C-alpha atoms as a PDB file:
ATOM      1  CA  UNK A   1      -3.594  -3.240 -34.383  1.00  0.00           C
ATOM      2  CA  UNK A   2      -4.543  -5.496 -31.488  1.00  0.00           C
ATOM      3  CA  UNK A   3      -4.551  -2.704 -28.916  1.00  0.00           C
ATOM      4  CA  UNK A   4      -8.290  -2.917 -28.247  1.00  0.00           C
ATOM      5  CA  UNK A   5      -8.228  -6.112 -26.217  1.00  0.00           C
ATOM      6  CA  UNK A   6      -5.263  -5.086 -24.042  1.00  0.00           C
ATOM      7  CA  UNK A   7      -6.725  -1.609 -23.469  1.00  0.00           C
ATOM      8  CA  UNK A   8     -10.048  -3.154 -22.470  1.00  0.00           C
ATOM      9  CA  UNK A   9      -8.289  -5.449 -20.010  1.00  0.00           C
ATOM     10  CA  UNK A  10      -6.336  -2.515 -18.514  1.00  0.00           C
ATOM     11  CA  UNK A  11      -9.567  -0.530 -18.197  1.00  0.00           C
ATOM     12  CA  UNK A  12     -11.262  -3.461 -16.463  1.00  0.00           C
ATOM     13  CA  UNK A  13      -8.380  -3.886 -14.005  1.00  0.00           C
ATOM     14  CA  UNK A  14      -8.283  -0.153 -13.286  1.00  0.00           C
ATOM     15  CA  UNK A  15     -12.041  -0.084 -12.688  1.00  0.00           C
ATOM     16  CA  UNK A  16     -11.824  -3.099 -10.384  1.00  0.00           C
ATOM     17  CA  UNK A  17      -9.075  -1.426  -8.365  1.00  0.00           C
ATOM     18  CA  UNK A  18     -10.933   1.883  -8.216  1.00  0.00           C
ATOM     19  CA  UNK A  19     -14.254   0.516  -7.031  1.00  0.00           C
ATOM     20  CA  UNK A  20     -13.187  -2.471  -4.938  1.00  0.00           C
ATOM     21  CA  UNK A  21     -13.474  -2.333  -1.179  1.00  0.00           C
ATOM     22  CA  UNK A  22     -10.070  -3.383   0.034  1.00  0.00           C
ATOM     23  CA  UNK A  23      -9.035  -3.280   3.653  1.00  0.00           C
ATOM     24  CA  UNK A  24      -5.944  -1.101   3.679  1.00  0.00           C
ATOM     25  CA  UNK A  25      -3.844  -0.026   6.614  1.00  0.00           C
ATOM     26  CA  UNK A  26      -3.443   3.625   5.600  1.00  0.00           C
ATOM     27  CA  UNK A  27      -1.406   4.522   8.688  1.00  0.00           C
ATOM     28  CA  UNK A  28       1.139   1.813   7.907  1.00  0.00           C
ATOM     29  CA  UNK A  29       1.235   2.899   4.260  1.00  0.00           C
ATOM     30  CA  UNK A  30       1.845   6.530   5.242  1.00  0.00           C
ATOM     31  CA  UNK A  31       4.682   5.495   7.564  1.00  0.00           C
ATOM     32  CA  UNK A  32       6.263   3.426   4.805  1.00  0.00           C
ATOM     33  CA  UNK A  33       6.001   6.224   2.256  1.00  0.00           C
ATOM     34  CA  UNK A  34       7.435   8.829   4.612  1.00  0.00           C
ATOM     35  CA  UNK A  35      10.319   6.598   5.676  1.00  0.00           C
ATOM     36  CA  UNK A  36       9.244   6.295   9.298  1.00  0.00           C
ATOM     37  CA  UNK A  37       9.618   2.507   9.204  1.00  0.00           C
ATOM     38  CA  UNK A  38      12.903   1.902  11.051  1.00  0.00           C
ATOM     39  CA  UNK A  39      12.836  -1.866  10.582  1.00  0.00           C
ATOM     40  CA  UNK A  40      16.040  -3.251   9.029  1.00  0.00           C
ATOM     41  CA  UNK A  41      15.126  -5.029   5.811  1.00  0.00           C
ATOM     42  CA  UNK A  42      18.630  -6.313   5.059  1.00  0.00           C
ATOM     43  CA  UNK A  43      19.045  -4.350   1.839  1.00  0.00           C
ATOM     44  CA  UNK A  44      22.352  -2.864   2.986  1.00  0.00           C
ATOM     45  CA  UNK A  45      24.015  -6.151   2.153  1.00  0.00           C
ATOM     46  CA  UNK A  46      25.451  -5.676  -1.323  1.00  0.00           C
ATOM     47  CA  UNK A  47      25.563  -9.283  -2.462  1.00  0.00           C
ATOM     48  CA  UNK A  48      25.355  -8.326  -6.142  1.00  0.00           C
ATOM     49  CA  UNK A  49      29.157  -7.954  -6.223  1.00  0.00           C
ATOM     50  CA  UNK A  50      29.577 -11.607  -5.260  1.00  0.00           C
ATOM     51  CA  UNK A  51      28.505 -12.739  -8.742  1.00  0.00           C
ATOM     52  CA  UNK A  52      30.500 -10.102 -10.631  1.00  0.00           C
ATOM     53  CA  UNK A  53      33.375 -11.285 -12.801  1.00  0.00           C
ATOM     54  CA  UNK A  54      35.314  -8.496 -14.584  1.00  0.00           C
ATOM     55  CA  UNK A  55      36.103  -8.879 -18.265  1.00  0.00           C
ATOM     56  CA  UNK A  56      39.691  -9.305 -19.376  1.00  0.00           C
END
């Protein structure tokens, strides 16, 4: 029950994305997907361990 409204909204969003004319840089997207982007994003820094406190 109640799925009709959310499904209609998802259908509307999907239709808008499918038929909209968006300016996309397909070459840049292809490079990003194939891992050709050699730019350092800083994700090698594992700062998640800084907030870790082990349980006793």
